[in-house]
Amino acid sequence: MKNNFMRPVWVLWWAITLAWAGLIFYLSTQTFAPDFSRSVLAEMLSVLHCKVSPATFATLHTCFRKLAHLTEYAIFALLLYAYPDEEENPRWQRGRALTCIVVIALYSLTDEYHQLYVPQRHSSLLDCGWDTLGASLAMLLPFIQHQVKQ
């Protein structure tokens, strides 16, 4: 097996993957507390000229935040799965996919633990579930891609 540590593709992959992990950590700071996402959603609805009741807005806001969890961790899982190796034609690797999901779940737990100490944030195991679901759904993409190629 060749030494991957100095291959430019390997270094770039690690840089992007670690940057994404850092972005997730940053998104868990006070800056991106629920008040921030509330204002973003309100602005989006305003631009679209949509008026909704406070109850509907609260539901949309919850969905907006949970969709953010799904999306950020799905992207993280795909970055982890896309680890550059020696193969030119990557195949579906169930073990790699499961490892990605476990790593995502563990990272999500550390992220929620971090939020215990961030003002205006709260920690939730339910959010870890959303994060892990995002990773699991993301692993369907390489699986489907493999099935289509067969």
Protein backbone atom coordinates (compact mmCIF):
# COMPACT_ATOMS: atom_id res chain seq x y z
CA MET A 1 0.00 0.00 0.00
CA LYS A 2 1.31 3.42 -0.92
CA ASN A 3 1.92 6.12 1.64
CA ASN A 4 -1.20 8.30 1.42
CA PHE A 5 -0.05 10.91 3.91
CA MET A 6 1.67 13.13 1.38
CA ARG A 7 -0.60 12.68 -1.62
CA PRO A 8 -2.16 16.05 -2.50
CA VAL A 9 -5.62 14.48 -2.87
CA TRP A 10 -5.35 12.94 0.58
CA VAL A 11 -4.21 16.22 2.15
CA LEU A 12 -7.01 18.13 0.39
CA TRP A 13 -9.59 15.55 1.50
CA TRP A 14 -8.48 15.84 5.13
CA ALA A 15 -8.42 19.65 4.96
CA ILE A 16 -11.97 19.82 3.59
CA THR A 17 -13.31 17.17 5.99
CA LEU A 18 -11.74 18.80 9.05
CA ALA A 19 -12.90 22.23 7.89
CA TRP A 20 -16.45 20.88 7.65
CA ALA A 21 -16.17 19.42 11.18
CA GLY A 22 -14.95 22.84 12.33
CA LEU A 23 -17.88 24.53 10.61
CA ILE A 24 -20.30 22.24 12.44
CA PHE A 25 -18.59 23.16 15.72
CA TYR A 26 -18.82 26.87 14.84
CA LEU A 27 -22.51 26.53 13.95
CA SER A 28 -23.02 25.25 17.51
CA THR A 29 -21.89 28.53 19.03
CA GLN A 30 -24.03 31.29 20.49
CA THR A 31 -23.92 33.14 17.15
CA PHE A 32 -26.19 30.54 15.55
CA ALA A 33 -28.61 30.09 18.42
CA PRO A 34 -32.34 29.76 17.70
CA ASP A 35 -32.75 33.56 17.56
CA PHE A 36 -30.44 33.62 14.53
CA SER A 37 -32.30 30.91 12.63
CA ARG A 38 -35.61 32.56 13.57
CA SER A 39 -34.47 35.81 11.97
CA VAL A 40 -33.16 34.01 8.87
CA LEU A 41 -36.46 32.17 8.44
CA ALA A 42 -38.45 35.36 8.98
CA GLU A 43 -36.36 37.12 6.32
CA MET A 44 -36.82 34.21 3.89
CA LEU A 45 -40.59 34.31 4.37
CA SER A 46 -40.56 38.08 3.96
CA VAL A 47 -38.62 37.88 0.69
CA LEU A 48 -41.13 35.29 -0.54
CA HIS A 49 -44.01 37.52 0.63
CA CYS A 50 -45.36 34.73 2.84
CA LYS A 51 -47.30 35.50 5.98
CA VAL A 52 -47.87 32.69 8.46
CA SER A 53 -49.41 32.42 11.90
CA PRO A 54 -47.10 32.31 14.93
CA ALA A 55 -47.91 28.60 15.40
CA THR A 56 -47.04 27.84 11.77
CA PHE A 57 -43.88 29.90 12.07
CA ALA A 58 -42.85 27.90 15.16
CA THR A 59 -43.40 24.65 13.26
CA LEU A 60 -41.48 25.92 10.24
CA HIS A 61 -38.66 27.07 12.50
CA THR A 62 -38.37 23.65 14.11
CA CYS A 63 -38.35 21.97 10.68
CA PHE A 64 -35.78 24.49 9.44
CA ARG A 65 -33.42 23.72 12.34
CA LYS A 66 -33.84 19.94 12.06
CA LEU A 67 -33.25 20.11 8.30
CA ALA A 68 -30.02 21.97 9.07
CA HIS A 69 -28.96 19.09 11.33
CA LEU A 70 -29.76 16.52 8.65
CA THR A 71 -27.95 18.46 5.94
CA GLU A 72 -24.75 19.40 7.76
CA TYR A 73 -24.19 15.87 9.04
CA ALA A 74 -25.16 14.27 5.70
CA ILE A 75 -22.46 16.34 4.01
CA PHE A 76 -20.00 15.39 6.76
CA ALA A 77 -20.80 11.70 6.27
CA LEU A 78 -20.30 11.93 2.51
CA LEU A 79 -16.96 13.65 3.03
CA LEU A 80 -15.88 10.87 5.39
CA TYR A 81 -17.09 8.16 3.02
CA ALA A 82 -15.24 9.71 0.09
CA TYR A 83 -11.85 8.98 1.66
CA PRO A 84 -9.41 8.77 -1.27
CA ASP A 85 -7.93 5.33 -1.64
CA GLU A 86 -6.12 3.36 -4.28
CA GLU A 87 -9.19 2.36 -6.30
CA GLU A 88 -10.06 4.21 -9.46
CA ASN A 89 -13.57 2.77 -9.55
CA PRO A 90 -14.85 2.95 -6.00
CA ARG A 91 -17.38 0.32 -5.03
CA TRP A 92 -19.96 0.27 -2.28
CA GLN A 93 -18.26 -0.40 1.02
CA ARG A 94 -20.78 -1.31 3.70
CA GLY A 95 -18.15 -1.32 6.45
CA ARG A 96 -16.94 2.14 5.51
CA ALA A 97 -20.53 3.41 5.45
CA LEU A 98 -21.24 1.98 8.90
CA THR A 99 -18.00 3.45 10.22
CA CYS A 100 -19.01 6.86 8.85
CA ILE A 101 -22.38 6.64 10.58
CA VAL A 102 -20.76 5.68 13.90
CA VAL A 103 -18.17 8.49 13.61
CA ILE A 104 -20.97 10.96 12.84
CA ALA A 105 -22.99 9.76 15.83
CA LEU A 106 -19.98 10.16 18.12
CA TYR A 107 -19.10 13.59 16.72
CA SER A 108 -22.71 14.62 17.16
CA LEU A 109 -22.57 13.61 20.82
CA THR A 110 -19.48 15.75 21.33
CA ASP A 111 -21.22 18.65 19.56
CA GLU A 112 -24.25 18.37 21.83
CA TYR A 113 -21.96 18.16 24.87
CA HIS A 114 -20.26 21.35 23.68
CA GLN A 115 -23.66 23.05 23.51
CA LEU A 116 -24.21 22.36 27.22
CA TYR A 117 -21.71 25.16 27.88
CA VAL A 118 -22.85 27.62 25.22
CA PRO A 119 -25.23 30.40 26.33
CA GLN A 120 -28.58 30.42 24.49
CA ARG A 121 -28.03 26.85 23.27
CA HIS A 122 -29.33 23.60 24.64
CA SER A 123 -28.15 20.04 24.31
CA SER A 124 -30.45 17.36 22.97
CA LEU A 125 -30.00 13.67 22.31
CA LEU A 126 -32.85 14.03 19.84
CA ASP A 127 -30.60 16.30 17.77
CA CYS A 128 -27.98 13.52 17.79
CA GLY A 129 -30.67 11.33 16.30
CA TRP A 130 -31.31 13.86 13.54
CA ASP A 131 -27.58 14.10 12.87
CA THR A 132 -27.21 10.33 12.69
CA LEU A 133 -30.28 10.09 10.46
CA GLY A 134 -28.68 12.63 8.13
CA ALA A 135 -25.53 10.51 7.96
CA SER A 136 -27.55 7.34 7.39
CA LEU A 137 -29.58 8.90 4.59
CA ALA A 138 -26.39 10.23 3.02
CA MET A 139 -24.98 6.71 2.87
CA LEU A 140 -27.85 5.81 0.57
CA LEU A 141 -26.24 7.95 -2.15
CA PRO A 142 -23.08 5.84 -2.66
CA PHE A 143 -25.18 2.69 -2.23
CA ILE A 144 -27.63 3.75 -4.95
CA GLN A 145 -24.76 4.89 -7.17
CA HIS A 146 -23.20 1.44 -6.82
CA GLN A 147 -26.51 -0.29 -7.60
CA VAL A 148 -27.04 1.81 -10.73
CA LYS A 149 -23.54 0.97 -12.02
CA GLN A 150 -24.17 -2.77 -11.70
